[in-house]
Amino acid sequence: MTTIPNPKKTIESVRVKDLKPYPGNPRHNNQSAKMVAKSIERFGYINPVVVDETLTILAGNTRTKALKLLGIKEIEVLMVHDLTDEEKNSF
């Protein structure tokens, strides 16, 4: 049986405007953000944005753009703690 890492994680409430895009994000999905915004309007904010301790987005850049389009001011994020730069790049 394979064991998987279990990094320290917390759910935090943060202001959307304080989230920082990940500088190495290969995707720039402005058009997709509109579709994601429609999904959030229909189903709600279900899949949290994943960030590090500095509020840099590790997963969820397009979701964050969608939330901004919707005018959402505050959300819960999944904060992952104590990752190395290499681990952050793997997201």
N, C-alpha and C. Protein backbone atom coordinates (compact mmCIF):
# COMPACT_ATOMS: atom_id res chain seq x y z
N MET A 1 0.84 -1.17 0.00
CA MET A 1 0.00 0.00 0.00
C MET A 1 0.89 1.24 0.00
N THR A 2 0.54 2.20 -0.83
CA THR A 2 1.31 3.43 -0.94
C THR A 2 0.83 4.43 0.10
N THR A 3 1.77 5.09 0.74
CA THR A 3 1.41 6.18 1.65
C THR A 3 1.56 7.49 0.89
N ILE A 4 0.68 8.41 1.18
CA ILE A 4 0.74 9.71 0.53
C ILE A 4 1.06 10.77 1.57
N PRO A 5 1.72 11.85 1.15
CA PRO A 5 2.04 12.92 2.09
C PRO A 5 0.75 13.54 2.64
N ASN A 6 0.83 14.03 3.82
CA ASN A 6 -0.31 14.69 4.45
C ASN A 6 0.16 16.02 5.03
N PRO A 7 0.33 17.04 4.17
CA PRO A 7 0.82 18.33 4.67
C PRO A 7 -0.21 18.99 5.60
N LYS A 8 0.30 19.85 6.44
CA LYS A 8 -0.59 20.62 7.33
C LYS A 8 -1.47 21.50 6.46
N LYS A 9 -2.79 21.49 6.73
CA LYS A 9 -3.76 22.29 5.98
C LYS A 9 -4.74 22.92 6.94
N THR A 10 -5.18 24.11 6.59
CA THR A 10 -6.23 24.77 7.36
C THR A 10 -7.20 25.44 6.39
N ILE A 11 -8.41 25.62 6.85
CA ILE A 11 -9.40 26.40 6.10
C ILE A 11 -9.37 27.81 6.69
N GLU A 12 -9.16 28.79 5.82
CA GLU A 12 -9.06 30.18 6.27
C GLU A 12 -10.04 31.04 5.48
N SER A 13 -10.59 32.03 6.11
CA SER A 13 -11.44 33.01 5.44
C SER A 13 -10.56 34.19 5.04
N VAL A 14 -10.56 34.53 3.75
CA VAL A 14 -9.69 35.60 3.26
C VAL A 14 -10.46 36.50 2.29
N ARG A 15 -9.95 37.70 2.12
CA ARG A 15 -10.51 38.61 1.11
C ARG A 15 -9.97 38.20 -0.25
N VAL A 16 -10.85 38.13 -1.23
CA VAL A 16 -10.46 37.73 -2.58
C VAL A 16 -9.37 38.65 -3.11
N LYS A 17 -9.47 39.94 -2.82
CA LYS A 17 -8.49 40.89 -3.34
C LYS A 17 -7.09 40.67 -2.77
N ASP A 18 -6.97 39.91 -1.68
CA ASP A 18 -5.67 39.64 -1.08
C ASP A 18 -4.97 38.42 -1.70
N LEU A 19 -5.69 37.66 -2.52
CA LEU A 19 -5.08 36.48 -3.15
C LEU A 19 -4.15 36.92 -4.26
N LYS A 20 -3.00 36.24 -4.33
CA LYS A 20 -1.98 36.59 -5.32
C LYS A 20 -1.87 35.48 -6.36
N PRO A 21 -1.93 35.82 -7.65
CA PRO A 21 -1.76 34.79 -8.66
C PRO A 21 -0.37 34.15 -8.56
N TYR A 22 -0.32 32.88 -8.83
CA TYR A 22 0.97 32.18 -8.83
C TYR A 22 1.77 32.63 -10.05
N PRO A 23 2.99 33.13 -9.86
CA PRO A 23 3.75 33.67 -10.99
C PRO A 23 4.06 32.65 -12.08
N GLY A 24 4.12 31.37 -11.74
CA GLY A 24 4.43 30.34 -12.73
C GLY A 24 3.20 29.71 -13.36
N ASN A 25 2.02 30.29 -13.13
CA ASN A 25 0.81 29.70 -13.68
C ASN A 25 0.86 29.71 -15.21
N PRO A 26 0.78 28.53 -15.84
CA PRO A 26 0.89 28.48 -17.30
C PRO A 26 -0.40 28.86 -18.01
N ARG A 27 -1.51 28.93 -17.26
CA ARG A 27 -2.81 29.20 -17.88
C ARG A 27 -3.23 30.65 -17.63
N HIS A 28 -3.80 31.25 -18.63
CA HIS A 28 -4.36 32.60 -18.52
C HIS A 28 -5.76 32.54 -19.12
N ASN A 29 -6.68 31.93 -18.37
CA ASN A 29 -8.00 31.58 -18.86
C ASN A 29 -9.05 32.66 -18.61
N ASN A 30 -8.88 33.82 -19.19
CA ASN A 30 -9.87 34.86 -18.98
C ASN A 30 -11.24 34.45 -19.51
N GLN A 31 -11.27 33.80 -20.67
CA GLN A 31 -12.55 33.36 -21.22
C GLN A 31 -13.16 32.26 -20.35
N SER A 32 -12.35 31.35 -19.86
CA SER A 32 -12.85 30.28 -19.00
C SER A 32 -13.41 30.82 -17.69
N ALA A 33 -12.87 31.93 -17.22
CA ALA A 33 -13.34 32.51 -15.96
C ALA A 33 -14.82 32.86 -16.04
N LYS A 34 -15.28 33.28 -17.21
CA LYS A 34 -16.71 33.59 -17.37
C LYS A 34 -17.56 32.34 -17.22
N MET A 35 -17.10 31.24 -17.77
CA MET A 35 -17.83 29.98 -17.65
C MET A 35 -17.81 29.47 -16.20
N VAL A 36 -16.67 29.61 -15.55
CA VAL A 36 -16.56 29.19 -14.15
C VAL A 36 -17.47 30.07 -13.28
N ALA A 37 -17.55 31.35 -13.58
CA ALA A 37 -18.43 32.25 -12.83
C ALA A 37 -19.89 31.79 -12.94
N LYS A 38 -20.30 31.37 -14.13
CA LYS A 38 -21.67 30.87 -14.30
C LYS A 38 -21.89 29.61 -13.48
N SER A 39 -20.89 28.75 -13.43
CA SER A 39 -20.98 27.53 -12.63
C SER A 39 -21.10 27.86 -11.14
N ILE A 40 -20.30 28.81 -10.67
CA ILE A 40 -20.36 29.22 -9.26
C ILE A 40 -21.73 29.81 -8.95
N GLU A 41 -22.26 30.61 -9.87
CA GLU A 41 -23.60 31.18 -9.66
C GLU A 41 -24.65 30.07 -9.53
N ARG A 42 -24.50 29.02 -10.32
CA ARG A 42 -25.49 27.95 -10.33
C ARG A 42 -25.34 26.99 -9.16
N PHE A 43 -24.09 26.58 -8.87
CA PHE A 43 -23.86 25.52 -7.89
C PHE A 43 -23.25 26.00 -6.58
N GLY A 44 -22.75 27.22 -6.56
CA GLY A 44 -22.09 27.73 -5.36
C GLY A 44 -20.58 27.53 -5.43
N TYR A 45 -19.92 28.07 -4.45
CA TYR A 45 -18.46 27.97 -4.34
C TYR A 45 -18.16 26.69 -3.56
N ILE A 46 -17.86 25.61 -4.28
CA ILE A 46 -17.73 24.29 -3.67
C ILE A 46 -16.27 23.87 -3.55
N ASN A 47 -15.51 24.09 -4.59
CA ASN A 47 -14.12 23.63 -4.66
C ASN A 47 -13.20 24.78 -4.25
N PRO A 48 -12.61 24.74 -3.05
CA PRO A 48 -11.85 25.89 -2.58
C PRO A 48 -10.56 26.15 -3.35
N VAL A 49 -10.20 27.40 -3.39
CA VAL A 49 -8.89 27.81 -3.92
C VAL A 49 -7.84 27.32 -2.93
N VAL A 50 -6.71 26.82 -3.42
CA VAL A 50 -5.62 26.34 -2.57
C VAL A 50 -4.52 27.40 -2.59
N VAL A 51 -4.07 27.81 -1.41
CA VAL A 51 -3.05 28.85 -1.30
C VAL A 51 -1.96 28.41 -0.33
N ASP A 52 -0.83 29.14 -0.38
CA ASP A 52 0.20 28.94 0.63
C ASP A 52 0.03 30.01 1.71
N GLU A 53 0.96 30.07 2.64
CA GLU A 53 0.84 31.00 3.77
C GLU A 53 0.88 32.47 3.36
N THR A 54 1.40 32.76 2.17
CA THR A 54 1.47 34.15 1.71
C THR A 54 0.26 34.53 0.85
N LEU A 55 -0.73 33.63 0.80
CA LEU A 55 -1.95 33.79 -0.01
C LEU A 55 -1.67 33.75 -1.51
N THR A 56 -0.57 33.11 -1.88
CA THR A 56 -0.29 32.87 -3.29
C THR A 56 -1.09 31.66 -3.72
N ILE A 57 -1.79 31.78 -4.83
CA ILE A 57 -2.67 30.72 -5.32
C ILE A 57 -1.84 29.58 -5.89
N LEU A 58 -2.05 28.38 -5.36
CA LEU A 58 -1.38 27.19 -5.88
C LEU A 58 -2.31 26.43 -6.83
N ALA A 59 -3.60 26.51 -6.59
CA ALA A 59 -4.61 25.89 -7.45
C ALA A 59 -5.87 26.73 -7.35
N GLY A 60 -6.36 27.18 -8.49
CA GLY A 60 -7.60 27.94 -8.48
C GLY A 60 -7.48 29.34 -9.03
N ASN A 61 -6.50 29.58 -9.90
CA ASN A 61 -6.36 30.92 -10.48
C ASN A 61 -7.60 31.32 -11.28
N THR A 62 -8.16 30.40 -12.06
CA THR A 62 -9.34 30.72 -12.86
C THR A 62 -10.55 30.91 -11.96
N ARG A 63 -10.69 30.09 -10.91
CA ARG A 63 -11.78 30.27 -9.95
C ARG A 63 -11.70 31.64 -9.29
N THR A 64 -10.48 32.07 -8.98
CA THR A 64 -10.31 33.39 -8.36
C THR A 64 -10.76 34.49 -9.32
N LYS A 65 -10.39 34.38 -10.59
CA LYS A 65 -10.85 35.36 -11.58
C LYS A 65 -12.37 35.36 -11.65
N ALA A 66 -12.98 34.18 -11.61
CA ALA A 66 -14.44 34.08 -11.66
C ALA A 66 -15.07 34.74 -10.44
N LEU A 67 -14.51 34.51 -9.27
CA LEU A 67 -15.04 35.13 -8.05
C LEU A 67 -14.96 36.65 -8.13
N LYS A 68 -13.88 37.16 -8.70
CA LYS A 68 -13.75 38.61 -8.87
C LYS A 68 -14.79 39.13 -9.84
N LEU A 69 -15.04 38.39 -10.93
CA LEU A 69 -16.09 38.79 -11.88
C LEU A 69 -17.45 38.87 -11.20
N LEU A 70 -17.69 37.98 -10.26
CA LEU A 70 -18.97 37.95 -9.55
C LEU A 70 -19.05 38.98 -8.42
N GLY A 71 -17.94 39.63 -8.13
CA GLY A 71 -17.93 40.63 -7.06
C GLY A 71 -17.89 40.05 -5.66
N ILE A 72 -17.46 38.79 -5.55
CA ILE A 72 -17.36 38.14 -4.24
C ILE A 72 -16.18 38.76 -3.49
N LYS A 73 -16.42 39.14 -2.25
CA LYS A 73 -15.40 39.86 -1.48
C LYS A 73 -14.57 38.94 -0.58
N GLU A 74 -15.18 37.87 -0.05
CA GLU A 74 -14.48 37.02 0.90
C GLU A 74 -14.86 35.56 0.65
N ILE A 75 -13.87 34.69 0.77
CA ILE A 75 -14.09 33.25 0.56
C ILE A 75 -13.28 32.46 1.57
N GLU A 76 -13.61 31.18 1.67
CA GLU A 76 -12.77 30.25 2.42
C GLU A 76 -11.80 29.61 1.43
N VAL A 77 -10.54 29.51 1.85
CA VAL A 77 -9.51 28.88 1.04
C VAL A 77 -8.93 27.72 1.83
N LEU A 78 -8.31 26.79 1.12
CA LEU A 78 -7.55 25.72 1.75
C LEU A 78 -6.10 26.17 1.75
N MET A 79 -5.57 26.45 2.94
CA MET A 79 -4.18 26.90 3.06
C MET A 79 -3.30 25.70 3.39
N VAL A 80 -2.28 25.50 2.55
CA VAL A 80 -1.33 24.41 2.76
C VAL A 80 -0.05 25.03 3.32
N HIS A 81 0.44 24.46 4.39
CA HIS A 81 1.57 25.04 5.13
C HIS A 81 2.87 24.29 4.88
N ASP A 82 3.94 25.05 4.98
CA ASP A 82 5.30 24.50 5.02
C ASP A 82 5.71 23.72 3.77
N LEU A 83 5.27 24.16 2.59
CA LEU A 83 5.70 23.54 1.35
C LEU A 83 7.00 24.15 0.88
N THR A 84 7.81 23.35 0.24
CA THR A 84 9.03 23.88 -0.39
C THR A 84 8.64 24.54 -1.72
N ASP A 85 9.53 25.32 -2.29
CA ASP A 85 9.26 25.92 -3.60
C ASP A 85 9.01 24.85 -4.65
N GLU A 86 9.76 23.77 -4.58
CA GLU A 86 9.57 22.67 -5.54
C GLU A 86 8.17 22.06 -5.40
N GLU A 87 7.71 21.89 -4.18
CA GLU A 87 6.36 21.35 -3.97
C GLU A 87 5.30 22.33 -4.48
N LYS A 88 5.50 23.61 -4.26
CA LYS A 88 4.55 24.62 -4.77
C LYS A 88 4.49 24.60 -6.29
N ASN A 89 5.63 24.40 -6.92
CA ASN A 89 5.68 24.34 -8.39
C ASN A 89 4.94 23.12 -8.93
N SER A 90 4.75 22.11 -8.12
CA SER A 90 4.10 20.88 -8.55
C SER A 90 2.59 21.00 -8.64
N PHE A 91 2.04 22.02 -8.04
CA PHE A 91 0.59 22.19 -8.09
C PHE A 91 0.20 22.55 -9.49
